[in-house]
Amino acid sequence: HILRNSNDENIWKILLKEIQDIIDFDRAMIYQFLYDGSGQ
């Protein structure tokens, strides 16, 4: 599913959905590190 449907715009959305189906946590996030070590 990830390989067939992912691209730069939606790859992280698909990944979160697949992982949530496995772990079922209250919150799942994609956290990106920025150039200064902080994150978003």
ModelCIF file with pLDDT and N, C-alpha, C, O atoms, coordinates in Angstrom:
data_MODEL
#
_entry.id   MODEL 
#
_entity.id                         1 
_entity.type                       polymer 
_entity.pdbx_number_of_molecules   1 
#
_entity_poly.entity_id                      1 
_entity_poly.type                           'polypeptide(L)' 
_entity_poly.nstd_linkage                   no 
_entity_poly.nstd_monomer                   no 
_entity_poly.pdbx_seq_one_letter_code       HILRNSNDENIWKILLKEIQDIIDFDRAMIYQFLYDGSGQ 
_entity_poly.pdbx_seq_one_letter_code_can   HILRNSNDENIWKILLKEIQDIIDFDRAMIYQFLYDGSGQ 
_entity_poly.pdbx_strand_id                 A 
#
loop_
_entity_poly_seq.entity_id 
_entity_poly_seq.num 
_entity_poly_seq.mon_id 
_entity_poly_seq.hetero 
1 1  HIS n 
1 2  ILE n 
1 3  LEU n 
1 4  ARG n 
1 5  ASN n 
1 6  SER n 
1 7  ASN n 
1 8  ASP n 
1 9  GLU n 
1 10 ASN n 
1 11 ILE n 
1 12 TRP n 
1 13 LYS n 
1 14 ILE n 
1 15 LEU n 
1 16 LEU n 
1 17 LYS n 
1 18 GLU n 
1 19 ILE n 
1 20 GLN n 
1 21 ASP n 
1 22 ILE n 
1 23 ILE n 
1 24 ASP n 
1 25 PHE n 
1 26 ASP n 
1 27 ARG n 
1 28 ALA n 
1 29 MET n 
1 30 ILE n 
1 31 TYR n 
1 32 GLN n 
1 33 PHE n 
1 34 LEU n 
1 35 TYR n 
1 36 ASP n 
1 37 GLY n 
1 38 SER n 
1 39 GLY n 
1 40 GLN n 
#
_struct_asym.id          A 
_struct_asym.entity_id   1 
#
loop_
_ma_qa_metric.id 
_ma_qa_metric.mode 
_ma_qa_metric.name 
_ma_qa_metric.software_group_id 
_ma_qa_metric.type 
1 global pLDDT . pLDDT 
2 local  pLDDT . pLDDT 
#
_ma_qa_metric_global.metric_id      1 
_ma_qa_metric_global.metric_value   86.33 
_ma_qa_metric_global.model_id       1 
_ma_qa_metric_global.ordinal_id     1 
#
loop_
_ma_qa_metric_local.label_asym_id 
_ma_qa_metric_local.label_comp_id 
_ma_qa_metric_local.label_seq_id 
_ma_qa_metric_local.metric_id 
_ma_qa_metric_local.metric_value 
_ma_qa_metric_local.model_id 
_ma_qa_metric_local.ordinal_id 
A HIS 1  2 76.00 1 1  
A ILE 2  2 77.00 1 2  
A LEU 3  2 73.00 1 3  
A ARG 4  2 75.00 1 4  
A ASN 5  2 72.00 1 5  
A SER 6  2 69.00 1 6  
A ASN 7  2 71.00 1 7  
A ASP 8  2 68.00 1 8  
A GLU 9  2 68.00 1 9  
A ASN 10 2 83.00 1 10 
A ILE 11 2 89.00 1 11 
A TRP 12 2 92.00 1 12 
A LYS 13 2 91.00 1 13 
A ILE 14 2 90.00 1 14 
A LEU 15 2 92.00 1 15 
A LEU 16 2 93.00 1 16 
A LYS 17 2 91.00 1 17 
A GLU 18 2 89.00 1 18 
A ILE 19 2 92.00 1 19 
A GLN 20 2 92.00 1 20 
A ASP 21 2 88.00 1 21 
A ILE 22 2 88.00 1 22 
A ILE 23 2 91.00 1 23 
A ASP 24 2 92.00 1 24 
A PHE 25 2 96.00 1 25 
A ASP 26 2 95.00 1 26 
A ARG 27 2 95.00 1 27 
A ALA 28 2 96.00 1 28 
A MET 29 2 95.00 1 29 
A ILE 30 2 95.00 1 30 
A TYR 31 2 94.00 1 31 
A GLN 32 2 93.00 1 32 
A PHE 33 2 92.00 1 33 
A LEU 34 2 87.00 1 34 
A TYR 35 2 79.00 1 35 
A ASP 36 2 80.00 1 36 
A GLY 37 2 86.00 1 37 
A SER 38 2 88.00 1 38 
A GLY 39 2 89.00 1 39 
A GLN 40 2 91.00 1 40 
#
loop_
_atom_site.group_PDB 
_atom_site.id 
_atom_site.type_symbol 
_atom_site.label_atom_id 
_atom_site.label_alt_id 
_atom_site.label_comp_id 
_atom_site.label_asym_id 
_atom_site.label_entity_id 
_atom_site.label_seq_id 
_atom_site.pdbx_PDB_ins_code 
_atom_site.Cartn_x 
_atom_site.Cartn_y 
_atom_site.Cartn_z 
_atom_site.occupancy 
_atom_site.B_iso_or_equiv 
_atom_site.pdbx_formal_charge 
_atom_site.auth_seq_id 
_atom_site.auth_comp_id 
_atom_site.auth_asym_id 
_atom_site.auth_atom_id 
_atom_site.pdbx_PDB_model_num 
ATOM 1   N N  . HIS A 1 1  ? 0.833  -1.203 0.000  1.00 76.00 ? 1  HIS A N  1 
ATOM 2   C CA . HIS A 1 1  ? 0.000  0.000  0.000  1.00 76.00 ? 1  HIS A CA 1 
ATOM 3   C C  . HIS A 1 1  ? 0.869  1.255  0.000  1.00 76.00 ? 1  HIS A C  1 
ATOM 4   O O  . HIS A 1 1  ? 0.593  2.212  -0.723 1.00 76.00 ? 1  HIS A O  1 
ATOM 5   N N  . ILE A 1 2  ? 1.918  1.240  0.815  1.00 77.00 ? 2  ILE A N  1 
ATOM 6   C CA . ILE A 1 2  ? 2.836  2.387  0.882  1.00 77.00 ? 2  ILE A CA 1 
ATOM 7   C C  . ILE A 1 2  ? 3.536  2.593  -0.457 1.00 77.00 ? 2  ILE A C  1 
ATOM 8   O O  . ILE A 1 2  ? 3.602  3.716  -0.957 1.00 77.00 ? 2  ILE A O  1 
ATOM 9   N N  . LEU A 1 3  ? 4.051  1.531  -1.032 1.00 73.00 ? 3  LEU A N  1 
ATOM 10  C CA . LEU A 1 3  ? 4.819  1.649  -2.277 1.00 73.00 ? 3  LEU A CA 1 
ATOM 11  C C  . LEU A 1 3  ? 3.943  2.059  -3.456 1.00 73.00 ? 3  LEU A C  1 
ATOM 12  O O  . LEU A 1 3  ? 4.391  2.793  -4.337 1.00 73.00 ? 3  LEU A O  1 
ATOM 13  N N  . ARG A 1 4  ? 2.695  1.589  -3.478 1.00 75.00 ? 4  ARG A N  1 
ATOM 14  C CA . ARG A 1 4  ? 1.826  1.878  -4.629 1.00 75.00 ? 4  ARG A CA 1 
ATOM 15  C C  . ARG A 1 4  ? 1.259  3.290  -4.594 1.00 75.00 ? 4  ARG A C  1 
ATOM 16  O O  . ARG A 1 4  ? 1.084  3.912  -5.641 1.00 75.00 ? 4  ARG A O  1 
ATOM 17  N N  . ASN A 1 5  ? 0.971  3.797  -3.410 1.00 72.00 ? 5  ASN A N  1 
ATOM 18  C CA . ASN A 1 5  ? 0.187  5.029  -3.318 1.00 72.00 ? 5  ASN A CA 1 
ATOM 19  C C  . ASN A 1 5  ? 0.938  6.230  -2.761 1.00 72.00 ? 5  ASN A C  1 
ATOM 20  O O  . ASN A 1 5  ? 0.381  7.326  -2.681 1.00 72.00 ? 5  ASN A O  1 
ATOM 21  N N  . SER A 1 6  ? 2.179  6.040  -2.379 1.00 69.00 ? 6  SER A N  1 
ATOM 22  C CA . SER A 1 6  ? 2.868  7.146  -1.713 1.00 69.00 ? 6  SER A CA 1 
ATOM 23  C C  . SER A 1 6  ? 3.624  8.017  -2.702 1.00 69.00 ? 6  SER A C  1 
ATOM 24  O O  . SER A 1 6  ? 4.155  7.546  -3.708 1.00 69.00 ? 6  SER A O  1 
ATOM 25  N N  . ASN A 1 7  ? 3.652  9.285  -2.385 1.00 71.00 ? 7  ASN A N  1 
ATOM 26  C CA . ASN A 1 7  ? 4.550  10.230 -3.044 1.00 71.00 ? 7  ASN A CA 1 
ATOM 27  C C  . ASN A 1 7  ? 4.900  11.305 -2.029 1.00 71.00 ? 7  ASN A C  1 
ATOM 28  O O  . ASN A 1 7  ? 4.566  11.179 -0.851 1.00 71.00 ? 7  ASN A O  1 
ATOM 29  N N  . ASP A 1 8  ? 5.557  12.342 -2.468 1.00 68.00 ? 8  ASP A N  1 
ATOM 30  C CA . ASP A 1 8  ? 6.032  13.353 -1.524 1.00 68.00 ? 8  ASP A CA 1 
ATOM 31  C C  . ASP A 1 8  ? 4.891  13.981 -0.734 1.00 68.00 ? 8  ASP A C  1 
ATOM 32  O O  . ASP A 1 8  ? 5.082  14.384 0.413  1.00 68.00 ? 8  ASP A O  1 
ATOM 33  N N  . GLU A 1 9  ? 3.701  14.068 -1.340 1.00 68.00 ? 9  GLU A N  1 
ATOM 34  C CA . GLU A 1 9  ? 2.596  14.759 -0.682 1.00 68.00 ? 9  GLU A CA 1 
ATOM 35  C C  . GLU A 1 9  ? 1.885  13.890 0.354  1.00 68.00 ? 9  GLU A C  1 
ATOM 36  O O  . GLU A 1 9  ? 1.465  14.403 1.391  1.00 68.00 ? 9  GLU A O  1 
ATOM 37  N N  . ASN A 1 10 ? 1.742  12.603 0.103  1.00 83.00 ? 10 ASN A N  1 
ATOM 38  C CA . ASN A 1 10 ? 0.896  11.807 0.993  1.00 83.00 ? 10 ASN A CA 1 
ATOM 39  C C  . ASN A 1 10 ? 1.585  10.614 1.643  1.00 83.00 ? 10 ASN A C  1 
ATOM 40  O O  . ASN A 1 10 ? 0.928  9.821  2.319  1.00 83.00 ? 10 ASN A O  1 
ATOM 41  N N  . ILE A 1 11 ? 2.898  10.469 1.453  1.00 89.00 ? 11 ILE A N  1 
ATOM 42  C CA . ILE A 1 11 ? 3.575  9.281  1.972  1.00 89.00 ? 11 ILE A CA 1 
ATOM 43  C C  . ILE A 1 11 ? 3.465  9.180  3.483  1.00 89.00 ? 11 ILE A C  1 
ATOM 44  O O  . ILE A 1 11 ? 3.290  8.086  4.022  1.00 89.00 ? 11 ILE A O  1 
ATOM 45  N N  . TRP A 1 12 ? 3.565  10.317 4.176  1.00 92.00 ? 12 TRP A N  1 
ATOM 46  C CA . TRP A 1 12 ? 3.529  10.268 5.644  1.00 92.00 ? 12 TRP A CA 1 
ATOM 47  C C  . TRP A 1 12 ? 2.109  10.016 6.151  1.00 92.00 ? 12 TRP A C  1 
ATOM 48  O O  . TRP A 1 12 ? 1.927  9.392  7.197  1.00 92.00 ? 12 TRP A O  1 
ATOM 49  N N  . LYS A 1 13 ? 1.105  10.496 5.418  1.00 91.00 ? 13 LYS A N  1 
ATOM 50  C CA . LYS A 1 13 ? -0.281 10.199 5.805  1.00 91.00 ? 13 LYS A CA 1 
ATOM 51  C C  . LYS A 1 13 ? -0.541 8.703  5.733  1.00 91.00 ? 13 LYS A C  1 
ATOM 52  O O  . LYS A 1 13 ? -1.138 8.130  6.644  1.00 91.00 ? 13 LYS A O  1 
ATOM 53  N N  . ILE A 1 14 ? -0.096 8.070  4.656  1.00 90.00 ? 14 ILE A N  1 
ATOM 54  C CA . ILE A 1 14 ? -0.300 6.628  4.493  1.00 90.00 ? 14 ILE A CA 1 
ATOM 55  C C  . ILE A 1 14 ? 0.445  5.866  5.578  1.00 90.00 ? 14 ILE A C  1 
ATOM 56  O O  . ILE A 1 14 ? -0.080 4.910  6.148  1.00 90.00 ? 14 ILE A O  1 
ATOM 57  N N  . LEU A 1 15 ? 1.691  6.301  5.866  1.00 92.00 ? 15 LEU A N  1 
ATOM 58  C CA . LEU A 1 15 ? 2.480  5.623  6.888  1.00 92.00 ? 15 LEU A CA 1 
ATOM 59  C C  . LEU A 1 15 ? 1.773  5.694  8.248  1.00 92.00 ? 15 LEU A C  1 
ATOM 60  O O  . LEU A 1 15 ? 1.679  4.686  8.948  1.00 92.00 ? 15 LEU A O  1 
ATOM 61  N N  . LEU A 1 16 ? 1.276  6.881  8.624  1.00 93.00 ? 16 LEU A N  1 
ATOM 62  C CA . LEU A 1 16 ? 0.601  7.015  9.918  1.00 93.00 ? 16 LEU A CA 1 
ATOM 63  C C  . LEU A 1 16 ? -0.616 6.102  10.005 1.00 93.00 ? 16 LEU A C  1 
ATOM 64  O O  . LEU A 1 16 ? -0.849 5.465  11.032 1.00 93.00 ? 16 LEU A O  1 
ATOM 65  N N  . LYS A 1 17 ? -1.387 6.039  8.930  1.00 91.00 ? 17 LYS A N  1 
ATOM 66  C CA . LYS A 1 17 ? -2.583 5.191  8.948  1.00 91.00 ? 17 LYS A CA 1 
ATOM 67  C C  . LYS A 1 17 ? -2.205 3.728  9.142  1.00 91.00 ? 17 LYS A C  1 
ATOM 68  O O  . LYS A 1 17 ? -2.839 3.027  9.932  1.00 91.00 ? 17 LYS A O  1 
ATOM 69  N N  . GLU A 1 18 ? -1.181 3.257  8.432  1.00 89.00 ? 18 GLU A N  1 
ATOM 70  C CA . GLU A 1 18 ? -0.775 1.852  8.544  1.00 89.00 ? 18 GLU A CA 1 
ATOM 71  C C  . GLU A 1 18 ? -0.249 1.553  9.949  1.00 89.00 ? 18 GLU A C  1 
ATOM 72  O O  . GLU A 1 18 ? -0.540 0.496  10.507 1.00 89.00 ? 18 GLU A O  1 
ATOM 73  N N  . ILE A 1 19 ? 0.525  2.479  10.523 1.00 92.00 ? 19 ILE A N  1 
ATOM 74  C CA . ILE A 1 19 ? 1.060  2.247  11.863 1.00 92.00 ? 19 ILE A CA 1 
ATOM 75  C C  . ILE A 1 19 ? -0.053 2.294  12.904 1.00 92.00 ? 19 ILE A C  1 
ATOM 76  O O  . ILE A 1 19 ? -0.060 1.491  13.837 1.00 92.00 ? 19 ILE A O  1 
ATOM 77  N N  . GLN A 1 20 ? -0.994 3.227  12.756 1.00 92.00 ? 20 GLN A N  1 
ATOM 78  C CA . GLN A 1 20 ? -2.107 3.298  13.701 1.00 92.00 ? 20 GLN A CA 1 
ATOM 79  C C  . GLN A 1 20 ? -2.955 2.023  13.676 1.00 92.00 ? 20 GLN A C  1 
ATOM 80  O O  . GLN A 1 20 ? -3.492 1.605  14.702 1.00 92.00 ? 20 GLN A O  1 
ATOM 81  N N  . ASP A 1 21 ? -3.069 1.412  12.493 1.00 88.00 ? 21 ASP A N  1 
ATOM 82  C CA . ASP A 1 21 ? -3.806 0.149  12.411 1.00 88.00 ? 21 ASP A CA 1 
ATOM 83  C C  . ASP A 1 21 ? -3.125 -0.944 13.244 1.00 88.00 ? 21 ASP A C  1 
ATOM 84  O O  . ASP A 1 21 ? -3.773 -1.889 13.694 1.00 88.00 ? 21 ASP A O  1 
ATOM 85  N N  . ILE A 1 22 ? -1.805 -0.799 13.442 1.00 88.00 ? 22 ILE A N  1 
ATOM 86  C CA . ILE A 1 22 ? -1.059 -1.796 14.206 1.00 88.00 ? 22 ILE A CA 1 
ATOM 87  C C  . ILE A 1 22 ? -1.057 -1.461 15.696 1.00 88.00 ? 22 ILE A C  1 
ATOM 88  O O  . ILE A 1 22 ? -1.275 -2.342 16.528 1.00 88.00 ? 22 ILE A O  1 
ATOM 89  N N  . ILE A 1 23 ? -0.810 -0.185 16.041 1.00 91.00 ? 23 ILE A N  1 
ATOM 90  C CA . ILE A 1 23 ? -0.569 0.155  17.447 1.00 91.00 ? 23 ILE A CA 1 
ATOM 91  C C  . ILE A 1 23 ? -1.793 0.741  18.145 1.00 91.00 ? 23 ILE A C  1 
ATOM 92  O O  . ILE A 1 23 ? -1.954 0.554  19.351 1.00 91.00 ? 23 ILE A O  1 
ATOM 93  N N  . ASP A 1 24 ? -2.672 1.456  17.404 1.00 92.00 ? 24 ASP A N  1 
ATOM 94  C CA . ASP A 1 24 ? -3.894 2.033  17.961 1.00 92.00 ? 24 ASP A CA 1 
ATOM 95  C C  . ASP A 1 24 ? -3.600 2.911  19.197 1.00 92.00 ? 24 ASP A C  1 
ATOM 96  O O  . ASP A 1 24 ? -4.173 2.698  20.266 1.00 92.00 ? 24 ASP A O  1 
ATOM 97  N N  . PHE A 1 25 ? -2.695 3.902  19.035 1.00 96.00 ? 25 PHE A N  1 
ATOM 98  C CA . PHE A 1 25 ? -2.417 4.863  20.102 1.00 96.00 ? 25 PHE A CA 1 
ATOM 99  C C  . PHE A 1 25 ? -3.365 6.064  19.967 1.00 96.00 ? 25 PHE A C  1 
ATOM 100 O O  . PHE A 1 25 ? -4.010 6.243  18.934 1.00 96.00 ? 25 PHE A O  1 
ATOM 101 N N  . ASP A 1 26 ? -3.439 6.882  21.026 1.00 95.00 ? 26 ASP A N  1 
ATOM 102 C CA . ASP A 1 26 ? -4.303 8.070  20.984 1.00 95.00 ? 26 ASP A CA 1 
ATOM 103 C C  . ASP A 1 26 ? -3.834 9.071  19.924 1.00 95.00 ? 26 ASP A C  1 
ATOM 104 O O  . ASP A 1 26 ? -4.637 9.740  19.274 1.00 95.00 ? 26 ASP A O  1 
ATOM 105 N N  . ARG A 1 27 ? -2.514 9.152  19.772 1.00 95.00 ? 27 ARG A N  1 
ATOM 106 C CA . ARG A 1 27 ? -1.973 10.160 18.853 1.00 95.00 ? 27 ARG A CA 1 
ATOM 107 C C  . ARG A 1 27 ? -0.773 9.567  18.121 1.00 95.00 ? 27 ARG A C  1 
ATOM 108 O O  . ARG A 1 27 ? 0.097  8.946  18.731 1.00 95.00 ? 27 ARG A O  1 
ATOM 109 N N  . ALA A 1 28 ? -0.740 9.769  16.808 1.00 96.00 ? 28 ALA A N  1 
ATOM 110 C CA . ALA A 1 28 ? 0.420  9.373  15.999 1.00 96.00 ? 28 ALA A CA 1 
ATOM 111 C C  . ALA A 1 28 ? 0.827  10.578 15.160 1.00 96.00 ? 28 ALA A C  1 
ATOM 112 O O  . ALA A 1 28 ? -0.009 11.199 14.505 1.00 96.00 ? 28 ALA A O  1 
ATOM 113 N N  . MET A 1 29 ? 2.121  10.903 15.185 1.00 95.00 ? 29 MET A N  1 
ATOM 114 C CA . MET A 1 29 ? 2.596  12.119 14.520 1.00 95.00 ? 29 MET A CA 1 
ATOM 115 C C  . MET A 1 29 ? 3.828  11.818 13.661 1.00 95.00 ? 29 MET A C  1 
ATOM 116 O O  . MET A 1 29 ? 4.601  10.904 13.948 1.00 95.00 ? 29 MET A O  1 
ATOM 117 N N  . ILE A 1 30 ? 3.984  12.605 12.613 1.00 95.00 ? 30 ILE A N  1 
ATOM 118 C CA . ILE A 1 30 ? 5.250  12.662 11.875 1.00 95.00 ? 30 ILE A CA 1 
ATOM 119 C C  . ILE A 1 30 ? 5.952  13.931 12.340 1.00 95.00 ? 30 ILE A C  1 
ATOM 120 O O  . ILE A 1 30 ? 5.460  15.042 12.140 1.00 95.00 ? 30 ILE A O  1 
ATOM 121 N N  . TYR A 1 31 ? 7.100  13.745 12.959 1.00 94.00 ? 31 TYR A N  1 
ATOM 122 C CA . TYR A 1 31 ? 7.865  14.846 13.538 1.00 94.00 ? 31 TYR A CA 1 
ATOM 123 C C  . TYR A 1 31 ? 9.129  15.028 12.705 1.00 94.00 ? 31 TYR A C  1 
ATOM 124 O O  . TYR A 1 31 ? 9.950  14.115 12.617 1.00 94.00 ? 31 TYR A O  1 
ATOM 125 N N  . GLN A 1 32 ? 9.291  16.210 12.087 1.00 93.00 ? 32 GLN A N  1 
ATOM 126 C CA . GLN A 1 32 ? 10.454 16.463 11.224 1.00 93.00 ? 32 GLN A CA 1 
ATOM 127 C C  . GLN A 1 32 ? 11.457 17.351 11.949 1.00 93.00 ? 32 GLN A C  1 
ATOM 128 O O  . GLN A 1 32 ? 11.092 18.375 12.526 1.00 93.00 ? 32 GLN A O  1 
ATOM 129 N N  . PHE A 1 33 ? 12.726 16.948 11.914 1.00 92.00 ? 33 PHE A N  1 
ATOM 130 C CA . PHE A 1 33 ? 13.782 17.793 12.467 1.00 92.00 ? 33 PHE A CA 1 
ATOM 131 C C  . PHE A 1 33 ? 14.101 18.919 11.488 1.00 92.00 ? 33 PHE A C  1 
ATOM 132 O O  . PHE A 1 33 ? 14.197 18.694 10.281 1.00 92.00 ? 33 PHE A O  1 
ATOM 133 N N  . LEU A 1 34 ? 14.262 20.126 12.013 1.00 87.00 ? 34 LEU A N  1 
ATOM 134 C CA . LEU A 1 34 ? 14.616 21.280 11.203 1.00 87.00 ? 34 LEU A CA 1 
ATOM 135 C C  . LEU A 1 34 ? 16.132 21.477 11.237 1.00 87.00 ? 34 LEU A C  1 
ATOM 136 O O  . LEU A 1 34 ? 16.850 20.754 11.929 1.00 87.00 ? 34 LEU A O  1 
ATOM 137 N N  . TYR A 1 35 ? 16.601 22.464 10.482 1.00 79.00 ? 35 TYR A N  1 
ATOM 138 C CA . TYR A 1 35 ? 18.041 22.635 10.281 1.00 79.00 ? 35 TYR A CA 1 
ATOM 139 C C  . TYR A 1 35 ? 18.791 22.937 11.583 1.00 79.00 ? 35 TYR A C  1 
ATOM 140 O O  . TYR A 1 35 ? 19.985 22.652 11.683 1.00 79.00 ? 35 TYR A O  1 
ATOM 141 N N  . ASP A 1 36 ? 18.101 23.514 12.591 1.00 80.00 ? 36 ASP A N  1 
ATOM 142 C CA . ASP A 1 36 ? 18.768 23.885 13.835 1.00 80.00 ? 36 ASP A CA 1 
ATOM 143 C C  . ASP A 1 36 ? 18.572 22.853 14.948 1.00 80.00 ? 36 ASP A C  1 
ATOM 144 O O  . ASP A 1 36 ? 18.921 23.123 16.097 1.00 80.00 ? 36 ASP A O  1 
ATOM 145 N N  . GLY A 1 37 ? 18.028 21.691 14.635 1.00 86.00 ? 37 GLY A N  1 
ATOM 146 C CA . GLY A 1 37 ? 17.823 20.647 15.630 1.00 86.00 ? 37 GLY A CA 1 
ATOM 147 C C  . GLY A 1 37 ? 16.455 20.678 16.274 1.00 86.00 ? 37 GLY A C  1 
ATOM 148 O O  . GLY A 1 37 ? 16.053 19.716 16.928 1.00 86.00 ? 37 GLY A O  1 
ATOM 149 N N  . SER A 1 38 ? 15.729 21.787 16.094 1.00 88.00 ? 38 SER A N  1 
ATOM 150 C CA . SER A 1 38 ? 14.353 21.825 16.587 1.00 88.00 ? 38 SER A CA 1 
ATOM 151 C C  . SER A 1 38 ? 13.483 20.975 15.660 1.00 88.00 ? 38 SER A C  1 
ATOM 152 O O  . SER A 1 38 ? 13.968 20.414 14.678 1.00 88.00 ? 38 SER A O  1 
ATOM 153 N N  . GLY A 1 39 ? 12.178 20.888 15.991 1.00 89.00 ? 39 GLY A N  1 
ATOM 154 C CA . GLY A 1 39 ? 11.328 20.044 15.165 1.00 89.00 ? 39 GLY A CA 1 
ATOM 155 C C  . GLY A 1 39 ? 9.922  20.582 15.041 1.00 89.00 ? 39 GLY A C  1 
ATOM 156 O O  . GLY A 1 39 ? 9.517  21.499 15.756 1.00 89.00 ? 39 GLY A O  1 
ATOM 157 N N  . GLN A 1 40 ? 9.189  19.992 14.119 1.00 91.00 ? 40 GLN A N  1 
ATOM 158 C CA . GLN A 1 40 ? 7.814  20.430 13.857 1.00 91.00 ? 40 GLN A CA 1 
ATOM 159 C C  . GLN A 1 40 ? 6.967  19.210 13.510 1.00 91.00 ? 40 GLN A C  1 
ATOM 160 O O  . GLN A 1 40 ? 5.771  19.342 13.251 1.00 91.00 ? 40 GLN A O  1 
#
